[in-house]
Amino acid sequence: MPDPAPSPAREGGVPDLSGTLSTWAANLQRNTFASFSRLRAVDYIRLVAIVGAYLLLRPYLMKLGAKLQRRDMERQNKESSENADAVAAAAEMNPNELRRGGRKAARAAEVEIPGVESEEDEEEGEAGPGMDWGRSARVRQRRFIREKLAEHEAKLREQAEAESDKEIEEFLVD
């Protein structure tokens, strides 16, 4: 059978949509008829076996996929709840108390700032050339944060000493 003639183009070279759809419909009809007309008995048996196996196994495959998804979701929920617990524990500390050096100031030393405590300049998981971009900036930032923390702690110590001196002077009699 000869191929149908190409669909006529409209003005500007845009193909006619109805002509394209009719060409596709003719091709589908011709190819489907030709495929099934050439099947032998063995081919029909093979086709029925494949379709039957798919229909029998599909529910089990769907259940397996749902089980795997559920397990992954539970693992993600567990990880996110652990992270939420860690964030909630860190949120117990009030920023104003950190600034003033209040009753929770002793716990302020326990606050971990990522990358500040570690002296390592390279982070885990990085390897290969060109993977250390921004390394000097990270080191500079860590150094800056360490200096600011040290200044803040010194300031808090001075304030605490001044307050304790005032309390002592209050009880001294001239």
Protein backbone atom coordinates (compact mmCIF):
# COMPACT_ATOMS: atom_id res chain seq x y z
CA MET A 1 0.00 0.00 0.00
CA PRO A 2 1.49 3.36 -0.89
CA ASP A 3 1.94 5.98 1.79
CA PRO A 4 -0.72 8.66 1.82
CA ALA A 5 0.20 11.95 0.26
CA PRO A 6 1.66 14.53 2.60
CA SER A 7 -0.90 16.87 4.05
CA PRO A 8 -1.20 20.18 2.24
CA ALA A 9 0.44 23.09 3.99
CA ARG A 10 -1.38 26.27 4.76
CA GLU A 11 0.02 29.67 4.11
CA GLY A 12 3.38 30.16 5.75
CA GLY A 13 4.33 26.48 5.78
CA VAL A 14 2.14 25.44 8.77
CA PRO A 15 0.72 21.92 8.21
CA ASP A 16 -3.03 21.42 8.23
CA LEU A 17 -4.09 19.89 11.57
CA SER A 18 -7.04 17.91 10.18
CA GLY A 19 -4.83 16.46 7.43
CA THR A 20 -2.22 15.39 9.96
CA LEU A 21 -4.81 13.74 12.21
CA SER A 22 -6.37 11.87 9.29
CA THR A 23 -2.91 10.63 8.22
CA TRP A 24 -2.25 9.37 11.76
CA ALA A 25 -5.63 7.63 11.89
CA ALA A 26 -5.00 5.92 8.53
CA ASN A 27 -1.54 4.77 9.67
CA LEU A 28 -2.92 3.38 12.95
CA GLN A 29 -5.69 1.48 11.18
CA ARG A 30 -3.34 0.04 8.52
CA ASN A 31 -0.62 -0.99 11.02
CA THR A 32 -3.07 -2.54 13.50
CA PHE A 33 -4.79 -4.59 10.80
CA ALA A 34 -1.46 -5.73 9.35
CA SER A 35 -0.13 -6.74 12.79
CA PHE A 36 -3.08 -8.93 13.72
CA SER A 37 -3.54 -10.43 10.24
CA ARG A 38 -0.04 -11.92 10.34
CA LEU A 39 -0.38 -13.61 13.77
CA ARG A 40 -0.24 -17.39 13.91
CA ALA A 41 -1.83 -19.60 16.57
CA VAL A 42 1.44 -19.66 18.57
CA ASP A 43 1.57 -15.87 18.50
CA TYR A 44 -2.03 -15.65 19.79
CA ILE A 45 -1.21 -18.08 22.61
CA ARG A 46 1.88 -16.05 23.51
CA LEU A 47 -0.15 -12.80 23.49
CA VAL A 48 -2.86 -14.30 25.72
CA ALA A 49 -0.22 -15.66 28.13
CA ILE A 50 1.51 -12.27 28.42
CA VAL A 51 -1.72 -10.35 28.96
CA GLY A 52 -2.98 -12.97 31.45
CA ALA A 53 0.26 -12.92 33.44
CA TYR A 54 0.13 -9.12 33.57
CA LEU A 55 -3.47 -9.17 34.80
CA LEU A 56 -2.67 -11.80 37.45
CA LEU A 57 0.54 -10.17 38.72
CA ARG A 58 -0.52 -6.52 38.60
CA PRO A 59 -2.35 -6.47 41.97
CA TYR A 60 0.63 -8.06 43.72
CA LEU A 61 3.04 -5.64 42.10
CA MET A 62 0.85 -2.73 43.16
CA LYS A 63 0.79 -4.00 46.76
CA LEU A 64 4.56 -4.42 46.73
CA GLY A 65 5.02 -0.89 45.42
CA ALA A 66 2.66 0.49 48.07
CA LYS A 67 4.54 -1.39 50.80
CA LEU A 68 7.88 -0.02 49.62
CA GLN A 69 6.48 3.52 49.42
CA ARG A 70 4.99 3.23 52.90
CA ARG A 71 8.32 2.05 54.32
CA ASP A 72 10.16 4.96 52.67
CA MET A 73 7.58 7.46 53.92
CA GLU A 74 7.79 6.09 57.48
CA ARG A 75 11.58 6.38 57.38
CA GLN A 76 11.35 9.97 56.12
CA ASN A 77 8.74 10.84 58.78
CA LYS A 78 10.96 9.33 61.47
CA GLU A 79 13.95 11.37 60.28
CA SER A 80 11.91 14.56 60.08
CA SER A 81 10.46 14.02 63.57
CA GLU A 82 13.99 13.51 64.93
CA ASN A 83 15.04 16.74 63.25
CA ALA A 84 11.96 18.50 64.62
CA ASP A 85 12.83 17.27 68.14
CA ALA A 86 16.35 18.63 67.77
CA VAL A 87 15.03 21.97 66.52
CA ALA A 88 12.50 22.15 69.37
CA ALA A 89 15.24 21.45 71.91
CA ALA A 90 17.36 24.22 70.40
CA ALA A 91 14.37 26.58 70.35
CA GLU A 92 13.97 26.31 74.12
CA MET A 93 16.81 28.80 74.45
CA ASN A 94 15.54 32.36 74.19
CA PRO A 95 17.76 34.73 72.16
CA ASN A 96 17.28 37.47 74.73
CA GLU A 97 18.60 35.20 77.44
CA LEU A 98 21.61 34.48 75.29
CA ARG A 99 22.27 38.20 74.91
CA ARG A 100 21.75 39.02 78.59
CA GLY A 101 23.49 35.96 79.96
CA GLY A 102 20.41 34.90 81.91
CA ARG A 103 19.73 31.64 83.69
CA LYS A 104 20.25 29.64 80.52
CA ALA A 105 23.55 31.28 79.68
CA ALA A 106 25.40 28.26 80.95
CA ARG A 107 23.71 26.24 78.24
CA ALA A 108 24.79 28.80 75.65
CA ALA A 109 28.20 27.18 75.48
CA GLU A 110 26.49 23.98 74.34
CA VAL A 111 25.00 25.61 71.23
CA GLU A 112 26.60 24.15 68.15
CA ILE A 113 27.17 26.40 65.19
CA PRO A 114 27.96 24.29 62.11
CA GLY A 115 31.58 24.58 61.09
CA VAL A 116 32.62 26.78 64.01
CA GLU A 117 33.92 24.10 66.35
CA SER A 118 35.62 22.03 63.66
CA GLU A 119 39.07 23.08 62.69
CA GLU A 120 38.91 21.13 59.46
CA ASP A 121 38.80 23.36 56.41
CA GLU A 122 37.36 20.73 54.10
CA GLU A 123 33.90 19.30 54.49
CA GLU A 124 33.07 15.63 54.24
CA GLY A 125 32.01 14.26 50.89
CA GLU A 126 34.06 16.67 48.83
CA ALA A 127 36.67 15.26 46.53
CA GLY A 128 38.20 16.03 43.21
CA PRO A 129 39.52 19.13 41.53
CA GLY A 130 37.47 22.30 41.73
CA MET A 131 35.42 21.08 44.68
CA ASP A 132 37.00 23.50 47.16
CA TRP A 133 35.47 26.68 45.78
CA GLY A 134 34.76 29.15 48.54
CA ARG A 135 37.04 27.36 50.96
CA SER A 136 38.85 30.52 52.02
CA ALA A 137 35.51 32.31 52.50
CA ARG A 138 34.28 29.50 54.75
CA VAL A 139 37.49 29.61 56.78
CA ARG A 140 37.20 33.40 57.08
CA GLN A 141 33.59 33.12 58.21
CA ARG A 142 34.45 30.47 60.81
CA ARG A 143 37.28 32.62 62.14
CA PHE A 144 34.96 35.65 62.31
CA ILE A 145 32.30 33.69 64.21
CA ARG A 146 34.89 32.33 66.67
CA GLU A 147 36.18 35.86 67.32
CA LYS A 148 32.67 37.25 67.83
CA LEU A 149 31.78 34.42 70.21
CA ALA A 150 34.96 35.00 72.20
CA GLU A 151 34.23 38.77 72.40
CA HIS A 152 30.66 38.08 73.51
CA GLU A 153 31.78 35.63 76.20
CA ALA A 154 34.37 38.12 77.49
CA LYS A 155 31.73 40.84 77.61
CA LEU A 156 29.37 38.58 79.54
CA ARG A 157 32.14 37.69 82.01
CA GLU A 158 32.91 41.38 82.58
CA GLN A 159 29.23 42.17 83.14
CA ALA A 160 28.86 39.26 85.57
CA GLU A 161 31.97 40.41 87.48
CA ALA A 162 30.69 43.99 87.60
CA GLU A 163 27.32 42.84 88.92
CA SER A 164 28.91 40.65 91.57
CA ASP A 165 31.16 43.57 92.61
CA LYS A 166 28.09 45.81 92.94
CA GLU A 167 26.36 43.21 95.10
CA ILE A 168 29.41 42.97 97.35
CA GLU A 169 29.73 46.78 97.61
CA GLU A 170 26.10 46.95 98.64
CA PHE A 171 26.82 44.93 101.76
CA LEU A 172 30.06 46.76 102.62
CA VAL A 173 29.77 49.53 105.17
CA ASP A 174 32.06 52.53 104.97
